Amino acid sequence: MDDIKLPKAVANFIAATNAHDANALAAVFGDDATVRDDGTTYTGEAEIREWIQGHLINPKIVITPTSFAGDRLVASGDGEFPGGPLSFAFVFGIKGDQVTDLAIDPV
């Protein structure tokens, strides 16, 4: 990750995820943010906090970036889930230093 230039919001997302810090991760998202992951859309703070806990914190996800171009991060995700590590594409909408939109798909 050292030689991949990331916007601050994306770097904060990765750092908070890898630290398993739900509060820091929630702070990365704007007030009206939306996350689309695993066929479900999560909107607003309460739903995104639920997604954070269930999809990132509980399975102890660790994200290892492989590339970043435009708004798309490709990364390996590993943790306590079957079949890992897996590759994912994270497509970010960013305003300032916060994530406003995030779509996650397998690669």
C-alpha atoms as a PDB file:
ATOM      1  CA  MET A   1       0.000   0.000   0.000  1.00  0.00           C
ATOM      2  CA  ASP A   2       2.970   2.313   0.512  1.00  0.00           C
ATOM      3  CA  ASP A   3       3.310   3.080  -3.199  1.00  0.00           C
ATOM      4  CA  ILE A   4      -0.435   3.332  -3.921  1.00  0.00           C
ATOM      5  CA  LYS A   5      -1.683   6.928  -3.578  1.00  0.00           C
ATOM      6  CA  LEU A   6      -5.070   6.971  -1.849  1.00  0.00           C
ATOM      7  CA  PRO A   7      -7.457   9.810  -1.059  1.00  0.00           C
ATOM      8  CA  LYS A   8      -7.613  10.513   2.677  1.00  0.00           C
ATOM      9  CA  ALA A   9     -11.149   9.080   2.990  1.00  0.00           C
ATOM     10  CA  VAL A  10     -10.070   5.786   1.398  1.00  0.00           C
ATOM     11  CA  ALA A  11      -6.917   5.571   3.516  1.00  0.00           C
ATOM     12  CA  ASN A  12      -9.022   6.244   6.640  1.00  0.00           C
ATOM     13  CA  PHE A  13     -11.520   3.549   5.601  1.00  0.00           C
ATOM     14  CA  ILE A  14      -8.743   0.978   5.225  1.00  0.00           C
ATOM     15  CA  ALA A  15      -6.982   1.977   8.469  1.00  0.00           C
ATOM     16  CA  ALA A  16     -10.192   1.861  10.533  1.00  0.00           C
ATOM     17  CA  THR A  17     -11.252  -1.452   8.972  1.00  0.00           C
ATOM     18  CA  ASN A  18      -7.874  -3.067   9.608  1.00  0.00           C
ATOM     19  CA  ALA A  19      -7.852  -1.737  13.195  1.00  0.00           C
ATOM     20  CA  HIS A  20     -11.352  -3.197  13.710  1.00  0.00           C
ATOM     21  CA  ASP A  21     -12.455   0.204  15.068  1.00  0.00           C
ATOM     22  CA  ALA A  22     -16.190   0.563  14.461  1.00  0.00           C
ATOM     23  CA  ASN A  23     -16.373   4.170  15.676  1.00  0.00           C
ATOM     24  CA  ALA A  24     -13.471   5.339  13.499  1.00  0.00           C
ATOM     25  CA  LEU A  25     -14.978   3.488  10.562  1.00  0.00           C
ATOM     26  CA  ALA A  26     -18.408   5.073  11.067  1.00  0.00           C
ATOM     27  CA  ALA A  27     -16.727   8.493  11.185  1.00  0.00           C
ATOM     28  CA  VAL A  28     -15.372   7.936   7.654  1.00  0.00           C
ATOM     29  CA  PHE A  29     -18.923   8.077   6.258  1.00  0.00           C
ATOM     30  CA  GLY A  30     -20.933  11.247   5.637  1.00  0.00           C
ATOM     31  CA  ASP A  31     -24.333  11.714   7.272  1.00  0.00           C
ATOM     32  CA  ASP A  32     -26.373  10.574   4.254  1.00  0.00           C
ATOM     33  CA  ALA A  33     -23.917   7.985   2.948  1.00  0.00           C
ATOM     34  CA  THR A  34     -24.952   4.816   1.170  1.00  0.00           C
ATOM     35  CA  VAL A  35     -23.200   1.437   1.096  1.00  0.00           C
ATOM     36  CA  ARG A  36     -24.075  -1.292  -1.405  1.00  0.00           C
ATOM     37  CA  ASP A  37     -22.643  -4.667  -0.458  1.00  0.00           C
ATOM     38  CA  ASP A  38     -23.659  -8.288  -0.875  1.00  0.00           C
ATOM     39  CA  GLY A  39     -26.944  -7.406  -2.635  1.00  0.00           C
ATOM     40  CA  THR A  40     -28.149  -4.994   0.071  1.00  0.00           C
ATOM     41  CA  THR A  41     -28.159  -1.199   0.306  1.00  0.00           C
ATOM     42  CA  TYR A  42     -27.434   0.470   3.647  1.00  0.00           C
ATOM     43  CA  THR A  43     -28.322   4.139   4.033  1.00  0.00           C
ATOM     44  CA  GLY A  44     -27.700   6.517   6.923  1.00  0.00           C
ATOM     45  CA  GLU A  45     -25.728   6.171  10.109  1.00  0.00           C
ATOM     46  CA  ALA A  46     -27.743   3.425  11.854  1.00  0.00           C
ATOM     47  CA  GLU A  47     -27.801   1.067   8.861  1.00  0.00           C
ATOM     48  CA  ILE A  48     -24.157   1.715   8.004  1.00  0.00           C
ATOM     49  CA  ARG A  49     -23.114   1.050  11.614  1.00  0.00           C
ATOM     50  CA  GLU A  50     -25.027  -2.254  11.428  1.00  0.00           C
ATOM     51  CA  TRP A  51     -23.209  -3.098   8.168  1.00  0.00           C
ATOM     52  CA  ILE A  52     -19.842  -2.126   9.673  1.00  0.00           C
ATOM     53  CA  GLN A  53     -20.350  -4.417  12.659  1.00  0.00           C
ATOM     54  CA  GLY A  54     -21.704  -7.379  10.696  1.00  0.00           C
ATOM     55  CA  HIS A  55     -19.545  -7.216   7.581  1.00  0.00           C
ATOM     56  CA  LEU A  56     -16.231  -5.739   8.753  1.00  0.00           C
ATOM     57  CA  ILE A  57     -15.787  -5.850  12.540  1.00  0.00           C
ATOM     58  CA  ASN A  58     -17.270  -9.231  13.527  1.00  0.00           C
ATOM     59  CA  PRO A  59     -15.433 -11.177  10.785  1.00  0.00           C
ATOM     60  CA  LYS A  60     -12.238  -9.201  11.568  1.00  0.00           C
ATOM     61  CA  ILE A  61     -11.743  -8.110   7.964  1.00  0.00           C
ATOM     62  CA  VAL A  62      -8.294  -6.948   6.887  1.00  0.00           C
ATOM     63  CA  ILE A  63      -8.051  -5.091   3.583  1.00  0.00           C
ATOM     64  CA  THR A  64      -4.846  -5.178   1.556  1.00  0.00           C
ATOM     65  CA  PRO A  65      -4.966  -2.780  -1.425  1.00  0.00           C
ATOM     66  CA  THR A  66      -3.578  -3.962  -4.756  1.00  0.00           C
ATOM     67  CA  SER A  67      -4.511  -0.976  -6.951  1.00  0.00           C
ATOM     68  CA  PHE A  68      -6.380   2.324  -6.977  1.00  0.00           C
ATOM     69  CA  ALA A  69      -7.509   4.221 -10.065  1.00  0.00           C
ATOM     70  CA  GLY A  70     -10.109   6.985 -10.303  1.00  0.00           C
ATOM     71  CA  ASP A  71     -12.569   6.038  -7.582  1.00  0.00           C
ATOM     72  CA  ARG A  72     -11.960   2.266  -7.618  1.00  0.00           C
ATOM     73  CA  LEU A  73      -9.882   0.384  -5.078  1.00  0.00           C
ATOM     74  CA  VAL A  74      -9.092  -3.250  -5.784  1.00  0.00           C
ATOM     75  CA  ALA A  75      -8.049  -5.090  -2.656  1.00  0.00           C
ATOM     76  CA  SER A  76      -7.737  -8.456  -1.037  1.00  0.00           C
ATOM     77  CA  GLY A  77     -10.073  -8.976   1.901  1.00  0.00           C
ATOM     78  CA  ASP A  78      -9.341 -11.589   4.506  1.00  0.00           C
ATOM     79  CA  GLY A  79     -10.808 -12.421   7.875  1.00  0.00           C
ATOM     80  CA  GLU A  80     -12.911 -14.963   9.670  1.00  0.00           C
ATOM     81  CA  PHE A  81     -15.130 -16.056   6.776  1.00  0.00           C
ATOM     82  CA  PRO A  82     -15.069 -19.107   4.499  1.00  0.00           C
ATOM     83  CA  GLY A  83     -13.083 -18.997   1.279  1.00  0.00           C
ATOM     84  CA  GLY A  84     -10.819 -16.047   2.085  1.00  0.00           C
ATOM     85  CA  PRO A  85      -8.878 -14.178   1.113  1.00  0.00           C
ATOM     86  CA  LEU A  86     -11.056 -12.820  -1.691  1.00  0.00           C
ATOM     87  CA  SER A  87     -10.547  -9.916  -4.081  1.00  0.00           C
ATOM     88  CA  PHE A  88     -13.017  -7.045  -4.035  1.00  0.00           C
ATOM     89  CA  ALA A  89     -13.561  -3.805  -5.921  1.00  0.00           C
ATOM     90  CA  PHE A  90     -14.528  -0.880  -3.693  1.00  0.00           C
ATOM     91  CA  VAL A  91     -15.953   2.036  -5.675  1.00  0.00           C
ATOM     92  CA  PHE A  92     -15.980   5.203  -3.568  1.00  0.00           C
ATOM     93  CA  GLY A  93     -17.945   8.410  -3.805  1.00  0.00           C
ATOM     94  CA  ILE A  94     -16.062  11.007  -1.789  1.00  0.00           C
ATOM     95  CA  LYS A  95     -16.833  14.545  -0.681  1.00  0.00           C
ATOM     96  CA  GLY A  96     -14.058  16.278   1.238  1.00  0.00           C
ATOM     97  CA  ASP A  97     -12.574  13.665   3.550  1.00  0.00           C
ATOM     98  CA  GLN A  98     -15.734  11.570   3.880  1.00  0.00           C
ATOM     99  CA  VAL A  99     -17.198   8.669   1.958  1.00  0.00           C
ATOM    100  CA  THR A 100     -20.636   9.503   0.560  1.00  0.00           C
ATOM    101  CA  ASP A 101     -21.163   6.321  -1.436  1.00  0.00           C
ATOM    102  CA  LEU A 102     -19.504   2.921  -1.436  1.00  0.00           C
ATOM    103  CA  ALA A 103     -20.214  -0.060  -3.693  1.00  0.00           C
ATOM    104  CA  ILE A 104     -18.413  -3.354  -3.039  1.00  0.00           C
ATOM    105  CA  ASP A 105     -18.300  -6.225  -5.520  1.00  0.00           C
ATOM    106  CA  PRO A 106     -16.210  -9.382  -5.858  1.00  0.00           C
ATOM    107  CA  VAL A 107     -13.492  -9.211  -8.512  1.00  0.00           C
END
